Amino acid sequence: MTAQPVPGVRLKTAKANNIDMRYAEIGSGPLVLFCHGWPESWYSWRHQLTAVSAAGFRCVAPDMRGYGGTEAPEPIDQYTLHHLVGDMAELVKVLGESKATIVGHDCTSYWLYRGGNRALWPSDDAPALFALVKGLEFVVVLGRYVALDP
């Protein structure tokens, strides 16, 4: 897909955790993943993507497993906590990073909190730093407040 529904935001696809995942990307610097809730898509984060990237961060908002342009495996057993958190851990690696700040909303806040604080991964294979934000008015990214003006 070559269209840019939000100026400066590029839509890309990558194979992560054995599924094709679409994501939106803007900016450069430390990686921040924005994970949408139900029944949303990466587009839910359009205002935050531009604001946080302007503050010096590489912002990525994937369509979560089963949503939007990301593959939706048919078997229900492909939607476990391990798969959902694994998708984000693998996306971090595919993006060439070793860690990320992850911002979740709605159900992804719970998934990422549970997955990020449970021993799903060997400690040396857990690339993501999980930072949870819900009901956004501002985001704290790597110790800096970034005001959001949707």
C-alpha atoms as a PDB file:
ATOM      1  CA  MET A   1       0.000   0.000   0.000  1.00  0.00           C
ATOM      2  CA  THR A   2       1.495   3.319  -1.031  1.00  0.00           C
ATOM      3  CA  ALA A   3      -1.196   5.749   0.153  1.00  0.00           C
ATOM      4  CA  GLN A   4      -0.449   7.984   3.146  1.00  0.00           C
ATOM      5  CA  PRO A   5      -3.714   8.584   5.002  1.00  0.00           C
ATOM      6  CA  VAL A   6      -1.823  10.736   7.521  1.00  0.00           C
ATOM      7  CA  PRO A   7       0.903  13.103   6.242  1.00  0.00           C
ATOM      8  CA  GLY A   8       4.361  11.719   7.013  1.00  0.00           C
ATOM      9  CA  VAL A   9       3.070   8.336   8.205  1.00  0.00           C
ATOM     10  CA  ARG A  10       4.161   5.406   6.045  1.00  0.00           C
ATOM     11  CA  LEU A  11       2.198   2.147   5.894  1.00  0.00           C
ATOM     12  CA  LYS A  12       4.373  -0.965   5.682  1.00  0.00           C
ATOM     13  CA  THR A  13       4.072  -4.710   6.093  1.00  0.00           C
ATOM     14  CA  ALA A  14       6.424  -7.241   7.649  1.00  0.00           C
ATOM     15  CA  LYS A  15       6.405 -10.908   8.623  1.00  0.00           C
ATOM     16  CA  ALA A  16       6.418 -11.082  12.428  1.00  0.00           C
ATOM     17  CA  ASN A  17       5.659 -14.127  14.569  1.00  0.00           C
ATOM     18  CA  ASN A  18       4.646 -16.064  11.432  1.00  0.00           C
ATOM     19  CA  ILE A  19       1.937 -13.614  10.321  1.00  0.00           C
ATOM     20  CA  ASP A  20       1.920 -10.715   7.872  1.00  0.00           C
ATOM     21  CA  MET A  21       1.583  -7.556   9.928  1.00  0.00           C
ATOM     22  CA  ARG A  22       0.709  -4.096   8.633  1.00  0.00           C
ATOM     23  CA  TYR A  23       2.013  -1.134  10.587  1.00  0.00           C
ATOM     24  CA  ALA A  24       2.222   2.636  10.354  1.00  0.00           C
ATOM     25  CA  GLU A  25       5.586   4.307  10.956  1.00  0.00           C
ATOM     26  CA  ILE A  26       6.848   7.863  11.391  1.00  0.00           C
ATOM     27  CA  GLY A  27       9.915   9.503  12.909  1.00  0.00           C
ATOM     28  CA  SER A  28      13.321   8.414  14.107  1.00  0.00           C
ATOM     29  CA  GLY A  29      14.889   7.830  17.491  1.00  0.00           C
ATOM     30  CA  PRO A  30      14.011   5.372  20.262  1.00  0.00           C
ATOM     31  CA  LEU A  31      11.181   3.031  19.262  1.00  0.00           C
ATOM     32  CA  VAL A  32       7.656   3.473  20.659  1.00  0.00           C
ATOM     33  CA  LEU A  33       4.985   0.915  19.681  1.00  0.00           C
ATOM     34  CA  PHE A  34       1.359   2.030  19.884  1.00  0.00           C
ATOM     35  CA  CYS A  35      -1.026  -0.920  20.255  1.00  0.00           C
ATOM     36  CA  HIS A  36      -4.720  -0.309  19.584  1.00  0.00           C
ATOM     37  CA  GLY A  37      -7.707  -1.816  21.340  1.00  0.00           C
ATOM     38  CA  TRP A  38     -10.908  -3.384  20.114  1.00  0.00           C
ATOM     39  CA  PRO A  39     -12.303  -2.805  17.473  1.00  0.00           C
ATOM     40  CA  GLU A  40      -9.712  -0.315  16.266  1.00  0.00           C
ATOM     41  CA  SER A  41      -6.673  -0.146  13.965  1.00  0.00           C
ATOM     42  CA  TRP A  42      -3.353   1.690  13.778  1.00  0.00           C
ATOM     43  CA  TYR A  43      -5.328   4.771  12.667  1.00  0.00           C
ATOM     44  CA  SER A  44      -6.606   5.236  16.230  1.00  0.00           C
ATOM     45  CA  TRP A  45      -3.123   6.496  17.101  1.00  0.00           C
ATOM     46  CA  ARG A  46      -2.743   8.999  14.223  1.00  0.00           C
ATOM     47  CA  HIS A  47      -2.590  12.072  16.475  1.00  0.00           C
ATOM     48  CA  GLN A  48      -0.201  10.478  18.961  1.00  0.00           C
ATOM     49  CA  LEU A  49       2.066   9.182  16.180  1.00  0.00           C
ATOM     50  CA  THR A  50       2.686  12.658  14.807  1.00  0.00           C
ATOM     51  CA  ALA A  51       3.018  14.337  18.235  1.00  0.00           C
ATOM     52  CA  VAL A  52       5.401  11.769  19.724  1.00  0.00           C
ATOM     53  CA  SER A  53       7.504  11.476  16.560  1.00  0.00           C
ATOM     54  CA  ALA A  54       7.909  15.285  16.573  1.00  0.00           C
ATOM     55  CA  ALA A  55       9.405  14.889  20.060  1.00  0.00           C
ATOM     56  CA  GLY A  56      12.198  12.691  18.647  1.00  0.00           C
ATOM     57  CA  PHE A  57      10.881   9.132  18.621  1.00  0.00           C
ATOM     58  CA  ARG A  58      10.399   6.408  16.024  1.00  0.00           C
ATOM     59  CA  CYS A  59       6.686   5.635  16.287  1.00  0.00           C
ATOM     60  CA  VAL A  60       5.131   2.422  15.014  1.00  0.00           C
ATOM     61  CA  ALA A  61       1.459   1.486  15.287  1.00  0.00           C
ATOM     62  CA  PRO A  62       0.635  -2.007  14.032  1.00  0.00           C
ATOM     63  CA  ASP A  63      -2.743  -3.396  13.170  1.00  0.00           C
ATOM     64  CA  MET A  64      -2.959  -6.045  15.871  1.00  0.00           C
ATOM     65  CA  ARG A  65      -3.405  -9.735  15.007  1.00  0.00           C
ATOM     66  CA  GLY A  66      -6.758 -10.212  13.280  1.00  0.00           C
ATOM     67  CA  TYR A  67      -7.399  -6.507  12.630  1.00  0.00           C
ATOM     68  CA  GLY A  68      -7.126  -4.220   9.605  1.00  0.00           C
ATOM     69  CA  GLY A  69      -4.306  -5.123   7.243  1.00  0.00           C
ATOM     70  CA  THR A  70      -2.700  -7.683   9.559  1.00  0.00           C
ATOM     71  CA  GLU A  71      -3.248 -11.362   8.949  1.00  0.00           C
ATOM     72  CA  ALA A  72      -6.143 -13.001  10.792  1.00  0.00           C
ATOM     73  CA  PRO A  73      -5.415 -16.696  11.368  1.00  0.00           C
ATOM     74  CA  GLU A  74      -8.658 -18.677  11.470  1.00  0.00           C
ATOM     75  CA  PRO A  75      -7.964 -21.061  14.384  1.00  0.00           C
ATOM     76  CA  ILE A  76      -8.970 -19.532  17.720  1.00  0.00           C
ATOM     77  CA  ASP A  77      -5.877 -21.011  19.364  1.00  0.00           C
ATOM     78  CA  GLN A  78      -3.788 -18.491  17.386  1.00  0.00           C
ATOM     79  CA  TYR A  79      -5.017 -15.651  19.624  1.00  0.00           C
ATOM     80  CA  THR A  80      -3.481 -16.582  22.967  1.00  0.00           C
ATOM     81  CA  LEU A  81      -1.692 -14.102  25.204  1.00  0.00           C
ATOM     82  CA  HIS A  82       1.549 -15.727  24.086  1.00  0.00           C
ATOM     83  CA  HIS A  83       0.726 -15.015  20.421  1.00  0.00           C
ATOM     84  CA  LEU A  84      -0.441 -11.438  20.986  1.00  0.00           C
ATOM     85  CA  VAL A  85       2.543 -10.409  23.093  1.00  0.00           C
ATOM     86  CA  GLY A  86       4.821 -12.462  20.861  1.00  0.00           C
ATOM     87  CA  ASP A  87       3.653 -10.467  17.852  1.00  0.00           C
ATOM     88  CA  MET A  88       4.921  -7.260  19.457  1.00  0.00           C
ATOM     89  CA  ALA A  89       8.183  -8.823  20.644  1.00  0.00           C
ATOM     90  CA  GLU A  90       8.844 -10.173  17.147  1.00  0.00           C
ATOM     91  CA  LEU A  91       7.866  -6.886  15.504  1.00  0.00           C
ATOM     92  CA  VAL A  92      10.475  -5.108  17.631  1.00  0.00           C
ATOM     93  CA  LYS A  93      13.097  -7.538  16.295  1.00  0.00           C
ATOM     94  CA  VAL A  94      11.883  -7.225  12.676  1.00  0.00           C
ATOM     95  CA  LEU A  95      12.198  -3.458  12.995  1.00  0.00           C
ATOM     96  CA  GLY A  96      15.864  -3.966  13.879  1.00  0.00           C
ATOM     97  CA  GLU A  97      15.519  -2.863  17.491  1.00  0.00           C
ATOM     98  CA  SER A  98      16.385  -4.582  20.752  1.00  0.00           C
ATOM     99  CA  LYS A  99      13.827  -2.765  22.926  1.00  0.00           C
ATOM    100  CA  ALA A 100      10.821  -0.490  22.725  1.00  0.00           C
ATOM    101  CA  THR A 101       8.411   1.438  24.850  1.00  0.00           C
ATOM    102  CA  ILE A 102       4.974  -0.030  24.261  1.00  0.00           C
ATOM    103  CA  VAL A 103       1.821   2.018  24.712  1.00  0.00           C
ATOM    104  CA  GLY A 104      -1.408   0.024  24.928  1.00  0.00           C
ATOM    105  CA  HIS A 105      -5.048   1.030  24.903  1.00  0.00           C
ATOM    106  CA  ASP A 106      -8.132  -0.913  25.928  1.00  0.00           C
ATOM    107  CA  CYS A 107      -7.572  -4.687  25.763  1.00  0.00           C
ATOM    108  CA  THR A 108      -3.948  -4.344  24.638  1.00  0.00           C
ATOM    109  CA  SER A 109      -3.130  -2.614  27.929  1.00  0.00           C
ATOM    110  CA  TYR A 110      -4.125  -5.798  29.715  1.00  0.00           C
ATOM    111  CA  TRP A 111      -2.404  -8.139  27.238  1.00  0.00           C
ATOM    112  CA  LEU A 112       0.852  -6.214  27.349  1.00  0.00           C
ATOM    113  CA  TYR A 113       0.779  -5.801  31.110  1.00  0.00           C
ATOM    114  CA  ARG A 114       0.167  -9.512  31.652  1.00  0.00           C
ATOM    115  CA  GLY A 115       2.614 -10.577  28.959  1.00  0.00           C
ATOM    116  CA  GLY A 116       5.262  -8.057  29.907  1.00  0.00           C
ATOM    117  CA  ASN A 117       5.171  -8.992  33.566  1.00  0.00           C
ATOM    118  CA  ARG A 118       4.957 -12.759  33.226  1.00  0.00           C
ATOM    119  CA  ALA A 119       7.718 -15.155  32.271  1.00  0.00           C
ATOM    120  CA  LEU A 120       6.580 -15.763  28.692  1.00  0.00           C
ATOM    121  CA  TRP A 121      10.100 -15.225  27.395  1.00  0.00           C
ATOM    122  CA  PRO A 122      13.545 -16.090  28.691  1.00  0.00           C
ATOM    123  CA  SER A 123      14.887 -12.911  30.304  1.00  0.00           C
ATOM    124  CA  ASP A 124      17.533 -12.424  27.602  1.00  0.00           C
ATOM    125  CA  ASP A 125      14.887 -12.702  24.857  1.00  0.00           C
ATOM    126  CA  ALA A 126      12.427 -10.111  26.185  1.00  0.00           C
ATOM    127  CA  PRO A 127      13.207  -7.085  23.997  1.00  0.00           C
ATOM    128  CA  ALA A 128      10.382  -4.790  25.026  1.00  0.00           C
ATOM    129  CA  LEU A 129       9.973  -2.369  27.883  1.00  0.00           C
ATOM    130  CA  PHE A 130       6.236  -2.220  28.516  1.00  0.00           C
ATOM    131  CA  ALA A 131       4.832   1.208  29.352  1.00  0.00           C
ATOM    132  CA  LEU A 132       1.049   1.211  29.608  1.00  0.00           C
ATOM    133  CA  VAL A 133      -1.077   4.245  28.927  1.00  0.00           C
ATOM    134  CA  LYS A 134      -4.867   4.283  28.893  1.00  0.00           C
ATOM    135  CA  GLY A 135      -7.242   7.204  28.382  1.00  0.00           C
ATOM    136  CA  LEU A 136      -4.559   9.367  26.845  1.00  0.00           C
ATOM    137  CA  GLU A 137      -4.232  13.079  27.454  1.00  0.00           C
ATOM    138  CA  PHE A 138      -0.458  12.956  27.466  1.00  0.00           C
ATOM    139  CA  VAL A 139       2.171  10.271  27.155  1.00  0.00           C
ATOM    140  CA  VAL A 140       5.263   9.788  29.254  1.00  0.00           C
ATOM    141  CA  VAL A 141       7.930   8.518  26.874  1.00  0.00           C
ATOM    142  CA  LEU A 142      11.354   7.731  28.270  1.00  0.00           C
ATOM    143  CA  GLY A 143      10.848  10.191  31.127  1.00  0.00           C
ATOM    144  CA  ARG A 144       9.565  13.115  29.029  1.00  0.00           C
ATOM    145  CA  TYR A 145       5.983  14.362  28.912  1.00  0.00           C
ATOM    146  CA  VAL A 146       4.665  14.722  25.382  1.00  0.00           C
ATOM    147  CA  ALA A 147       1.403  16.696  25.201  1.00  0.00           C
ATOM    148  CA  LEU A 148      -1.172  15.401  22.743  1.00  0.00           C
ATOM    149  CA  ASP A 149      -3.512  17.718  20.881  1.00  0.00           C
ATOM    150  CA  PRO A 150      -5.870  15.546  18.793  1.00  0.00           C
END
